């Protein structure tokens, strides 16, 4: 399954209701599961981004659907990168 690195920021609305963050986390895990995705890791960070997630999804379209649903909730804005395991990258570049 493709792996995605998601960089997220809490919206102003989310910060105003920060005590609800645990509930939003649970909802994100439930949404991922309902789409056949898995949140492999979730970290809250200091700096340019408020959190980072590592997610596996069946395909790009499913990942996008989940991200759109997450964004529609109004609590997060995201930037997403498709990630390749180092071993796969080594195989790809060895063929060049």
PDB file of N, CA and C in Angstrom:
ATOM      1  N   UNK A   1       0.847  -1.185   0.000  1.00  0.00           N
ATOM      2  CA  UNK A   1       0.000   0.000   0.000  1.00  0.00           C
ATOM      3  C   UNK A   1       0.886   1.241   0.000  1.00  0.00           C
ATOM      4  N   UNK A   2       0.495   2.269  -0.726  1.00  0.00           N
ATOM      5  CA  UNK A   2       1.271   3.511  -0.711  1.00  0.00           C
ATOM      6  C   UNK A   2       1.299   4.125   0.695  1.00  0.00           C
ATOM      7  N   UNK A   3       2.405   4.782   0.982  1.00  0.00           N
ATOM      8  CA  UNK A   3       2.580   5.464   2.265  1.00  0.00           C
ATOM      9  C   UNK A   3       2.595   6.964   2.018  1.00  0.00           C
ATOM     10  N   UNK A   4       1.935   7.689   2.897  1.00  0.00           N
ATOM     11  CA  UNK A   4       1.836   9.139   2.781  1.00  0.00           C
ATOM     12  C   UNK A   4       2.332   9.788   4.066  1.00  0.00           C
ATOM     13  N   UNK A   5       3.112  10.848   3.906  1.00  0.00           N
ATOM     14  CA  UNK A   5       3.518  11.679   5.032  1.00  0.00           C
ATOM     15  C   UNK A   5       2.615  12.915   4.969  1.00  0.00           C
ATOM     16  N   UNK A   6       1.895  13.147   6.049  1.00  0.00           N
ATOM     17  CA  UNK A   6       0.945  14.256   6.078  1.00  0.00           C
ATOM     18  C   UNK A   6       1.412  15.259   7.124  1.00  0.00           C
ATOM     19  N   UNK A   7       1.647  16.484   6.671  1.00  0.00           N
ATOM     20  CA  UNK A   7       2.011  17.573   7.557  1.00  0.00           C
ATOM     21  C   UNK A   7       0.747  18.370   7.806  1.00  0.00           C
ATOM     22  N   UNK A   8       0.409  18.588   9.072  1.00  0.00           N
ATOM     23  CA  UNK A   8      -0.859  19.236   9.369  1.00  0.00           C
ATOM     24  C   UNK A   8      -0.741  20.428  10.283  1.00  0.00           C
ATOM     25  N   UNK A   9      -1.665  21.343  10.088  1.00  0.00           N
ATOM     26  CA  UNK A   9      -1.804  22.488  10.978  1.00  0.00           C
ATOM     27  C   UNK A   9      -3.229  22.524  11.493  1.00  0.00           C
ATOM     28  N   UNK A  10      -3.355  22.841  12.773  1.00  0.00           N
ATOM     29  CA  UNK A  10      -4.673  23.042  13.349  1.00  0.00           C
ATOM     30  C   UNK A  10      -5.198  24.389  12.877  1.00  0.00           C
ATOM     31  N   UNK A  11      -6.478  24.449  12.553  1.00  0.00           N
ATOM     32  CA  UNK A  11      -7.079  25.717  12.163  1.00  0.00           C
ATOM     33  C   UNK A  11      -7.344  26.546  13.417  1.00  0.00           C
ATOM     34  N   UNK A  12      -7.652  27.800  13.234  1.00  0.00           N
ATOM     35  CA  UNK A  12      -7.990  28.668  14.365  1.00  0.00           C
ATOM     36  C   UNK A  12      -9.183  28.104  15.134  1.00  0.00           C
ATOM     37  N   UNK A  13     -10.148  27.562  14.380  1.00  0.00           N
ATOM     38  CA  UNK A  13     -11.321  26.929  14.997  1.00  0.00           C
ATOM     39  C   UNK A  13     -10.903  25.771  15.901  1.00  0.00           C
ATOM     40  N   UNK A  14      -9.972  24.960  15.451  1.00  0.00           N
ATOM     41  CA  UNK A  14      -9.511  23.814  16.238  1.00  0.00           C
ATOM     42  C   UNK A  14      -8.770  24.263  17.491  1.00  0.00           C
ATOM     43  N   UNK A  15      -7.968  25.302  17.368  1.00  0.00           N
ATOM     44  CA  UNK A  15      -7.216  25.792  18.523  1.00  0.00           C
ATOM     45  C   UNK A  15      -8.175  26.328  19.586  1.00  0.00           C
ATOM     46  N   UNK A  16      -9.239  26.987  19.152  1.00  0.00           N
ATOM     47  CA  UNK A  16     -10.223  27.507  20.112  1.00  0.00           C
ATOM     48  C   UNK A  16     -10.898  26.386  20.894  1.00  0.00           C
ATOM     49  N   UNK A  17     -10.947  25.197  20.305  1.00  0.00           N
ATOM     50  CA  UNK A  17     -11.563  24.035  20.952  1.00  0.00           C
ATOM     51  C   UNK A  17     -10.520  22.935  21.150  1.00  0.00           C
ATOM     52  N   UNK A  18      -9.340  23.319  21.622  1.00  0.00           N
ATOM     53  CA  UNK A  18      -8.216  22.379  21.720  1.00  0.00           C
ATOM     54  C   UNK A  18      -8.534  21.206  22.640  1.00  0.00           C
ATOM     55  N   UNK A  19      -9.415  21.404  23.605  1.00  0.00           N
ATOM     56  CA  UNK A  19      -9.753  20.305  24.521  1.00  0.00           C
ATOM     57  C   UNK A  19     -10.456  19.158  23.802  1.00  0.00           C
ATOM     58  N   UNK A  20     -10.910  19.391  22.580  1.00  0.00           N
ATOM     59  CA  UNK A  20     -11.577  18.353  21.788  1.00  0.00           C
ATOM     60  C   UNK A  20     -10.609  17.582  20.889  1.00  0.00           C
ATOM     61  N   UNK A  21      -9.318  17.847  21.014  1.00  0.00           N
ATOM     62  CA  UNK A  21      -8.344  17.232  20.106  1.00  0.00           C
ATOM     63  C   UNK A  21      -8.331  15.708  20.225  1.00  0.00           C
ATOM     64  N   UNK A  22      -8.489  15.184  21.425  1.00  0.00           N
ATOM     65  CA  UNK A  22      -8.539  13.729  21.590  1.00  0.00           C
ATOM     66  C   UNK A  22      -9.691  13.121  20.810  1.00  0.00           C
ATOM     67  N   UNK A  23     -10.827  13.774  20.824  1.00  0.00           N
ATOM     68  CA  UNK A  23     -11.992  13.303  20.064  1.00  0.00           C
ATOM     69  C   UNK A  23     -11.714  13.383  18.560  1.00  0.00           C
ATOM     70  N   UNK A  24     -11.058  14.455  18.137  1.00  0.00           N
ATOM     71  CA  UNK A  24     -10.730  14.581  16.704  1.00  0.00           C
ATOM     72  C   UNK A  24      -9.751  13.498  16.279  1.00  0.00           C
ATOM     73  N   UNK A  25      -8.800  13.159  17.168  1.00  0.00           N
ATOM     74  CA  UNK A  25      -7.866  12.069  16.858  1.00  0.00           C
ATOM     75  C   UNK A  25      -8.617  10.763  16.633  1.00  0.00           C
ATOM     76  N   UNK A  26      -9.514  10.453  17.548  1.00  0.00           N
ATOM     77  CA  UNK A  26     -10.294   9.214  17.421  1.00  0.00           C
ATOM     78  C   UNK A  26     -11.076   9.214  16.118  1.00  0.00           C
ATOM     79  N   UNK A  27     -11.688  10.338  15.783  1.00  0.00           N
ATOM     80  CA  UNK A  27     -12.446  10.437  14.528  1.00  0.00           C
ATOM     81  C   UNK A  27     -11.545  10.209  13.317  1.00  0.00           C
ATOM     82  N   UNK A  28     -10.309  10.713  13.369  1.00  0.00           N
ATOM     83  CA  UNK A  28      -9.374  10.520  12.254  1.00  0.00           C
ATOM     84  C   UNK A  28      -9.008   9.046  12.102  1.00  0.00           C
ATOM     85  N   UNK A  29      -8.755   8.375  13.221  1.00  0.00           N
ATOM     86  CA  UNK A  29      -8.443   6.937  13.164  1.00  0.00           C
ATOM     87  C   UNK A  29      -9.641   6.150  12.639  1.00  0.00           C
ATOM     88  N   UNK A  30     -10.840   6.520  13.081  1.00  0.00           N
ATOM     89  CA  UNK A  30     -12.056   5.845  12.609  1.00  0.00           C
ATOM     90  C   UNK A  30     -12.272   6.074  11.118  1.00  0.00           C
ATOM     91  N   UNK A  31     -12.049   7.312  10.658  1.00  0.00           N
ATOM     92  CA  UNK A  31     -12.192   7.621   9.235  1.00  0.00           C
ATOM     93  C   UNK A  31     -11.196   6.797   8.423  1.00  0.00           C
ATOM     94  N   UNK A  32      -9.947   6.776   8.861  1.00  0.00           N
ATOM     95  CA  UNK A  32      -8.927   6.006   8.133  1.00  0.00           C
ATOM     96  C   UNK A  32      -9.337   4.544   8.027  1.00  0.00           C
ATOM     97  N   UNK A  33      -9.750   3.971   9.136  1.00  0.00           N
ATOM     98  CA  UNK A  33     -10.145   2.559   9.141  1.00  0.00           C
ATOM     99  C   UNK A  33     -11.317   2.315   8.193  1.00  0.00           C
ATOM    100  N   UNK A  34     -12.292   3.215   8.181  1.00  0.00           N
ATOM    101  CA  UNK A  34     -13.471   3.033   7.324  1.00  0.00           C
ATOM    102  C   UNK A  34     -13.115   3.060   5.846  1.00  0.00           C
ATOM    103  N   UNK A  35     -11.995   3.690   5.505  1.00  0.00           N
ATOM    104  CA  UNK A  35     -11.554   3.783   4.108  1.00  0.00           C
ATOM    105  C   UNK A  35     -10.528   2.713   3.752  1.00  0.00           C
ATOM    106  N   UNK A  36     -10.188   1.858   4.710  1.00  0.00           N
ATOM    107  CA  UNK A  36      -9.180   0.836   4.449  1.00  0.00           C
ATOM    108  C   UNK A  36      -7.766   1.359   4.582  1.00  0.00           C
ATOM    109  N   UNK A  37      -7.610   2.477   5.286  1.00  0.00           N
ATOM    110  CA  UNK A  37      -6.302   3.077   5.512  1.00  0.00           C
ATOM    111  C   UNK A  37      -5.850   2.765   6.935  1.00  0.00           C
ATOM    112  N   UNK A  38      -4.573   3.009   7.201  1.00  0.00           N
ATOM    113  CA  UNK A  38      -4.064   2.833   8.555  1.00  0.00           C
ATOM    114  C   UNK A  38      -3.137   3.985   8.904  1.00  0.00           C
ATOM    115  N   UNK A  39      -3.428   4.640  10.018  1.00  0.00           N
ATOM    116  CA  UNK A  39      -2.526   5.663  10.535  1.00  0.00           C
ATOM    117  C   UNK A  39      -1.428   4.916  11.278  1.00  0.00           C
ATOM    118  N   UNK A  40      -0.234   4.918  10.711  1.00  0.00           N
ATOM    119  CA  UNK A  40       0.881   4.177  11.293  1.00  0.00           C
ATOM    120  C   UNK A  40       1.510   4.949  12.450  1.00  0.00           C
ATOM    121  N   UNK A  41       1.495   6.278  12.359  1.00  0.00           N
ATOM    122  CA  UNK A  41       2.069   7.107  13.419  1.00  0.00           C
ATOM    123  C   UNK A  41       1.430   8.487  13.352  1.00  0.00           C
ATOM    124  N   UNK A  42       1.294   9.105  14.515  1.00  0.00           N
ATOM    125  CA  UNK A  42       0.790  10.469  14.621  1.00  0.00           C
ATOM    126  C   UNK A  42       1.577  11.158  15.723  1.00  0.00           C
ATOM    127  N   UNK A  43       2.212  12.268  15.367  1.00  0.00           N
ATOM    128  CA  UNK A  43       3.018  13.027  16.323  1.00  0.00           C
ATOM    129  C   UNK A  43       2.580  14.486  16.280  1.00  0.00           C
ATOM    130  N   UNK A  44       2.552  15.104  17.444  1.00  0.00           N
ATOM    131  CA  UNK A  44       2.340  16.552  17.516  1.00  0.00           C
ATOM    132  C   UNK A  44       3.714  17.189  17.590  1.00  0.00           C
ATOM    133  N   UNK A  45       3.884  18.301  16.883  1.00  0.00           N
ATOM    134  CA  UNK A  45       5.203  18.888  16.708  1.00  0.00           C
ATOM    135  C   UNK A  45       5.194  20.374  17.051  1.00  0.00           C
ATOM    136  N   UNK A  46       6.367  20.905  17.240  1.00  0.00           N
ATOM    137  CA  UNK A  46       6.545  22.340  17.449  1.00  0.00           C
ATOM    138  C   UNK A  46       7.275  22.868  16.229  1.00  0.00           C
ATOM    139  N   UNK A  47       6.840  24.000  15.740  1.00  0.00           N
ATOM    140  CA  UNK A  47       7.473  24.576  14.564  1.00  0.00           C
ATOM    141  C   UNK A  47       6.436  24.928  13.522  1.00  0.00           C
ATOM    142  N   UNK A  48       6.806  24.781  12.265  1.00  0.00           N
ATOM    143  CA  UNK A  48       5.938  25.183  11.155  1.00  0.00           C
ATOM    144  C   UNK A  48       4.642  24.379  11.105  1.00  0.00           C
ATOM    145  N   UNK A  49       4.693  23.111  11.506  1.00  0.00           N
ATOM    146  CA  UNK A  49       3.513  22.249  11.472  1.00  0.00           C
ATOM    147  C   UNK A  49       3.141  21.838  12.885  1.00  0.00           C
ATOM    148  N   UNK A  50       1.857  21.638  13.101  1.00  0.00           N
ATOM    149  CA  UNK A  50       1.349  21.250  14.417  1.00  0.00           C
ATOM    150  C   UNK A  50       1.374  19.746  14.628  1.00  0.00           C
ATOM    151  N   UNK A  51       1.296  18.979  13.552  1.00  0.00           N
ATOM    152  CA  UNK A  51       1.329  17.524  13.666  1.00  0.00           C
ATOM    153  C   UNK A  51       1.816  16.909  12.365  1.00  0.00           C
ATOM    154  N   UNK A  52       2.264  15.662  12.493  1.00  0.00           N
ATOM    155  CA  UNK A  52       2.690  14.891  11.322  1.00  0.00           C
ATOM    156  C   UNK A  52       2.097  13.492  11.446  1.00  0.00           C
ATOM    157  N   UNK A  53       1.577  12.996  10.346  1.00  0.00           N
ATOM    158  CA  UNK A  53       1.015  11.656  10.329  1.00  0.00           C
ATOM    159  C   UNK A  53       1.666  10.813   9.241  1.00  0.00           C
ATOM    160  N   UNK A  54       1.815   9.545   9.523  1.00  0.00           N
ATOM    161  CA  UNK A  54       2.283   8.575   8.534  1.00  0.00           C
ATOM    162  C   UNK A  54       1.112   7.631   8.308  1.00  0.00           C
ATOM    163  N   UNK A  55       0.626   7.589   7.066  1.00  0.00           N
ATOM    164  CA  UNK A  55      -0.599   6.857   6.753  1.00  0.00           C
ATOM    165  C   UNK A  55      -0.375   5.943   5.559  1.00  0.00           C
ATOM    166  N   UNK A  56      -0.886   4.734   5.651  1.00  0.00           N
ATOM    167  CA  UNK A  56      -0.917   3.825   4.500  1.00  0.00           C
ATOM    168  C   UNK A  56      -2.346   3.801   3.979  1.00  0.00           C
ATOM    169  N   UNK A  57      -2.484   3.853   2.656  1.00  0.00           N
ATOM    170  CA  UNK A  57      -3.791   3.833   2.013  1.00  0.00           C
ATOM    171  C   UNK A  57      -3.753   2.848   0.852  1.00  0.00           C
ATOM    172  N   UNK A  58      -4.904   2.309   0.485  1.00  0.00           N
ATOM    173  CA  UNK A  58      -4.933   1.358  -0.628  1.00  0.00           C
ATOM    174  C   UNK A  58      -4.439   1.965  -1.944  1.00  0.00           C
ATOM    175  N   UNK A  59      -4.688   3.267  -2.138  1.00  0.00           N
ATOM    176  CA  UNK A  59      -4.299   3.933  -3.379  1.00  0.00           C
ATOM    177  C   UNK A  59      -4.386   5.448  -3.179  1.00  0.00           C
ATOM    178  N   UNK A  60      -3.914   6.196  -4.170  1.00  0.00           N
ATOM    179  CA  UNK A  60      -3.911   7.661  -4.095  1.00  0.00           C
ATOM    180  C   UNK A  60      -5.318   8.233  -3.954  1.00  0.00           C
ATOM    181  N   UNK A  61      -6.256   7.668  -4.684  1.00  0.00           N
ATOM    182  CA  UNK A  61      -7.626   8.185  -4.661  1.00  0.00           C
ATOM    183  C   UNK A  61      -8.246   8.053  -3.270  1.00  0.00           C
ATOM    184  N   UNK A  62      -8.014   6.936  -2.621  1.00  0.00           N
ATOM    185  CA  UNK A  62      -8.551   6.730  -1.276  1.00  0.00           C
ATOM    186  C   UNK A  62      -7.905   7.701  -0.296  1.00  0.00           C
ATOM    187  N   UNK A  63      -6.606   7.908  -0.429  1.00  0.00           N
ATOM    188  CA  UNK A  63      -5.913   8.862   0.442  1.00  0.00           C
ATOM    189  C   UNK A  63      -6.497  10.260   0.261  1.00  0.00           C
ATOM    190  N   UNK A  64      -6.711  10.653  -0.983  1.00  0.00           N
ATOM    191  CA  UNK A  64      -7.270  11.975  -1.261  1.00  0.00           C
ATOM    192  C   UNK A  64      -8.670  12.108  -0.672  1.00  0.00           C
ATOM    193  N   UNK A  65      -9.474  11.093  -0.823  1.00  0.00           N
ATOM    194  CA  UNK A  65     -10.832  11.111  -0.269  1.00  0.00           C
ATOM    195  C   UNK A  65     -10.782  11.337   1.243  1.00  0.00           C
ATOM    196  N   UNK A  66      -9.904  10.626   1.921  1.00  0.00           N
ATOM    197  CA  UNK A  66      -9.770  10.790   3.366  1.00  0.00           C
ATOM    198  C   UNK A  66      -9.296  12.181   3.743  1.00  0.00           C
ATOM    199  N   UNK A  67      -8.324  12.706   3.010  1.00  0.00           N
ATOM    200  CA  UNK A  67      -7.820  14.042   3.297  1.00  0.00           C
ATOM    201  C   UNK A  67      -8.892  15.110   3.072  1.00  0.00           C
ATOM    202  N   UNK A  68      -9.688  14.935   2.035  1.00  0.00           N
ATOM    203  CA  UNK A  68     -10.771  15.886   1.786  1.00  0.00           C
ATOM    204  C   UNK A  68     -11.812  15.843   2.901  1.00  0.00           C
ATOM    205  N   UNK A  69     -12.126  14.643   3.368  1.00  0.00           N
ATOM    206  CA  UNK A  69     -13.081  14.516   4.474  1.00  0.00           C
ATOM    207  C   UNK A  69     -12.500  15.120   5.749  1.00  0.00           C
ATOM    208  N   UNK A  70     -11.221  14.899   5.990  1.00  0.00           N
ATOM    209  CA  UNK A  70     -10.567  15.475   7.156  1.00  0.00           C
ATOM    210  C   UNK A  70     -10.621  17.000   7.088  1.00  0.00           C
ATOM    211  N   UNK A  71     -10.274  17.555   5.948  1.00  0.00           N
ATOM    212  CA  UNK A  71     -10.290  19.008   5.768  1.00  0.00           C
ATOM    213  C   UNK A  71     -11.673  19.604   5.878  1.00  0.00           C
ATOM    214  N   UNK A  72     -12.671  18.872   5.415  1.00  0.00           N
ATOM    215  CA  UNK A  72     -14.046  19.368   5.470  1.00  0.00           C
ATOM    216  C   UNK A  72     -14.541  19.518   6.904  1.00  0.00           C
ATOM    217  N   UNK A  73     -13.896  18.801   7.838  1.00  0.00           N
ATOM    218  CA  UNK A  73     -14.257  18.930   9.248  1.00  0.00           C
ATOM    219  C   UNK A  73     -13.890  20.283   9.833  1.00  0.00           C
ATOM    220  N   UNK A  74     -13.012  21.009   9.156  1.00  0.00           N
ATOM    221  CA  UNK A  74     -12.676  22.363   9.554  1.00  0.00           C
ATOM    222  C   UNK A  74     -11.606  22.499  10.622  1.00  0.00           C
ATOM    223  N   UNK A  75     -11.006  21.404  11.075  1.00  0.00           N
ATOM    224  CA  UNK A  75     -10.031  21.475  12.163  1.00  0.00           C
ATOM    225  C   UNK A  75      -8.578  21.402  11.692  1.00  0.00           C
ATOM    226  N   UNK A  76      -8.350  21.042  10.431  1.00  0.00           N
ATOM    227  CA  UNK A  76      -6.974  20.841   9.977  1.00  0.00           C
ATOM    228  C   UNK A  76      -6.800  21.263   8.520  1.00  0.00           C
ATOM    229  N   UNK A  77      -5.604  21.723   8.237  1.00  0.00           N
ATOM    230  CA  UNK A  77      -5.153  21.979   6.871  1.00  0.00           C
ATOM    231  C   UNK A  77      -3.902  21.143   6.686  1.00  0.00           C
ATOM    232  N   UNK A  78      -3.788  20.488   5.539  1.00  0.00           N
ATOM    233  CA  UNK A  78      -2.697  19.525   5.368  1.00  0.00           C
ATOM    234  C   UNK A  78      -1.873  19.769   4.111  1.00  0.00           C
ATOM    235  N   UNK A  79      -0.662  19.228   4.157  1.00  0.00           N
ATOM    236  CA  UNK A  79       0.216  19.093   2.995  1.00  0.00           C
ATOM    237  C   UNK A  79       0.638  17.634   3.010  1.00  0.00           C
ATOM    238  N   UNK A  80       0.581  17.014   1.849  1.00  0.00           N
ATOM    239  CA  UNK A  80       0.789  15.573   1.801  1.00  0.00           C
ATOM    240  C   UNK A  80       1.859  15.210   0.791  1.00  0.00           C
ATOM    241  N   UNK A  81       2.671  14.233   1.174  1.00  0.00           N
ATOM    242  CA  UNK A  81       3.729  13.736   0.298  1.00  0.00           C
ATOM    243  C   UNK A  81       3.609  12.228   0.187  1.00  0.00           C
ATOM    244  N   UNK A  82       3.756  11.712  -1.022  1.00  0.00           N
ATOM    245  CA  UNK A  82       3.832  10.275  -1.245  1.00  0.00           C
ATOM    246  C   UNK A  82       5.246   9.841  -0.888  1.00  0.00           C
ATOM    247  N   UNK A  83       5.355   8.812  -0.048  1.00  0.00           N
ATOM    248  CA  UNK A  83       6.673   8.370   0.425  1.00  0.00           C
ATOM    249  C   UNK A  83       6.986   6.976  -0.103  1.00  0.00           C
ATOM    250  N   UNK A  84       8.254   6.753  -0.430  1.00  0.00           N
ATOM    251  CA  UNK A  84       8.718   5.455  -0.906  1.00  0.00           C
ATOM    252  C   UNK A  84       9.662   4.856   0.122  1.00  0.00           C
ATOM    253  N   UNK A  85       9.497   3.603   0.477  1.00  0.00           N
ATOM    254  CA  UNK A  85      10.449   2.968   1.386  1.00  0.00           C
ATOM    255  C   UNK A  85      11.858   3.013   0.786  1.00  0.00           C
ATOM    256  N   UNK A  86      12.853   3.174   1.641  1.00  0.00           N
ATOM    257  CA  UNK A  86      14.239   3.291   1.173  1.00  0.00           C
ATOM    258  C   UNK A  86      14.655   2.090   0.329  1.00  0.00           C
ATOM    259  N   UNK A  87      14.194   0.883   0.734  1.00  0.00           N
ATOM    260  CA  UNK A  87      14.582  -0.320  -0.020  1.00  0.00           C
ATOM    261  C   UNK A  87      14.032  -0.270  -1.449  1.00  0.00           C
ATOM    262  N   UNK A  88      12.788   0.192  -1.587  1.00  0.00           N
ATOM    263  CA  UNK A  88      12.183   0.289  -2.923  1.00  0.00           C
ATOM    264  C   UNK A  88      12.913   1.329  -3.763  1.00  0.00           C
ATOM    265  N   UNK A  89      13.279   2.434  -3.135  1.00  0.00           N
ATOM    266  CA  UNK A  89      13.997   3.487  -3.865  1.00  0.00           C
ATOM    267  C   UNK A  89      15.343   2.977  -4.340  1.00  0.00           C
ATOM    268  N   UNK A  90      16.030   2.220  -3.488  1.00  0.00           N
ATOM    269  CA  UNK A  90      17.327   1.660  -3.879  1.00  0.00           C
ATOM    270  C   UNK A  90      17.180   0.735  -5.085  1.00  0.00           C
ATOM    271  N   UNK A  91      16.133  -0.087  -5.092  1.00  0.00           N
ATOM    272  CA  UNK A  91      15.892  -0.985  -6.235  1.00  0.00           C
ATOM    273  C   UNK A  91      15.624  -0.184  -7.505  1.00  0.00           C
ATOM    274  N   UNK A  92      14.790   0.865  -7.397  1.00  0.00           N
ATOM    275  CA  UNK A  92      14.452   1.683  -8.559  1.00  0.00           C
ATOM    276  C   UNK A  92      15.687   2.350  -9.129  1.00  0.00           C
ATOM    277  N   UNK A  93      16.522   2.913  -8.274  1.00  0.00           N
ATOM    278  CA  UNK A  93      17.692   3.637  -8.761  1.00  0.00           C
ATOM    279  C   UNK A  93      18.777   2.682  -9.259  1.00  0.00           C
ATOM    280  N   UNK A  94      18.811   1.469  -8.763  1.00  0.00           N
ATOM    281  CA  UNK A  94      19.794   0.497  -9.238  1.00  0.00           C
ATOM    282  C   UNK A  94      19.533   0.112 -10.691  1.00  0.00           C
ATOM    283  N   UNK A  95      18.295   0.295 -11.119  1.00  0.00           N
ATOM    284  CA  UNK A  95      17.927  -0.061 -12.490  1.00  0.00           C
ATOM    285  C   UNK A  95      18.231   1.041 -13.490  1.00  0.00           C
ATOM    286  N   UNK A  96      18.695   2.171 -13.043  1.00  0.00           N
ATOM    287  CA  UNK A  96      18.969   3.302 -13.941  1.00  0.00           C
ATOM    288  C   UNK A  96      20.313   3.159 -14.630  1.00  0.00           C
TER     289      UNK A  96
END
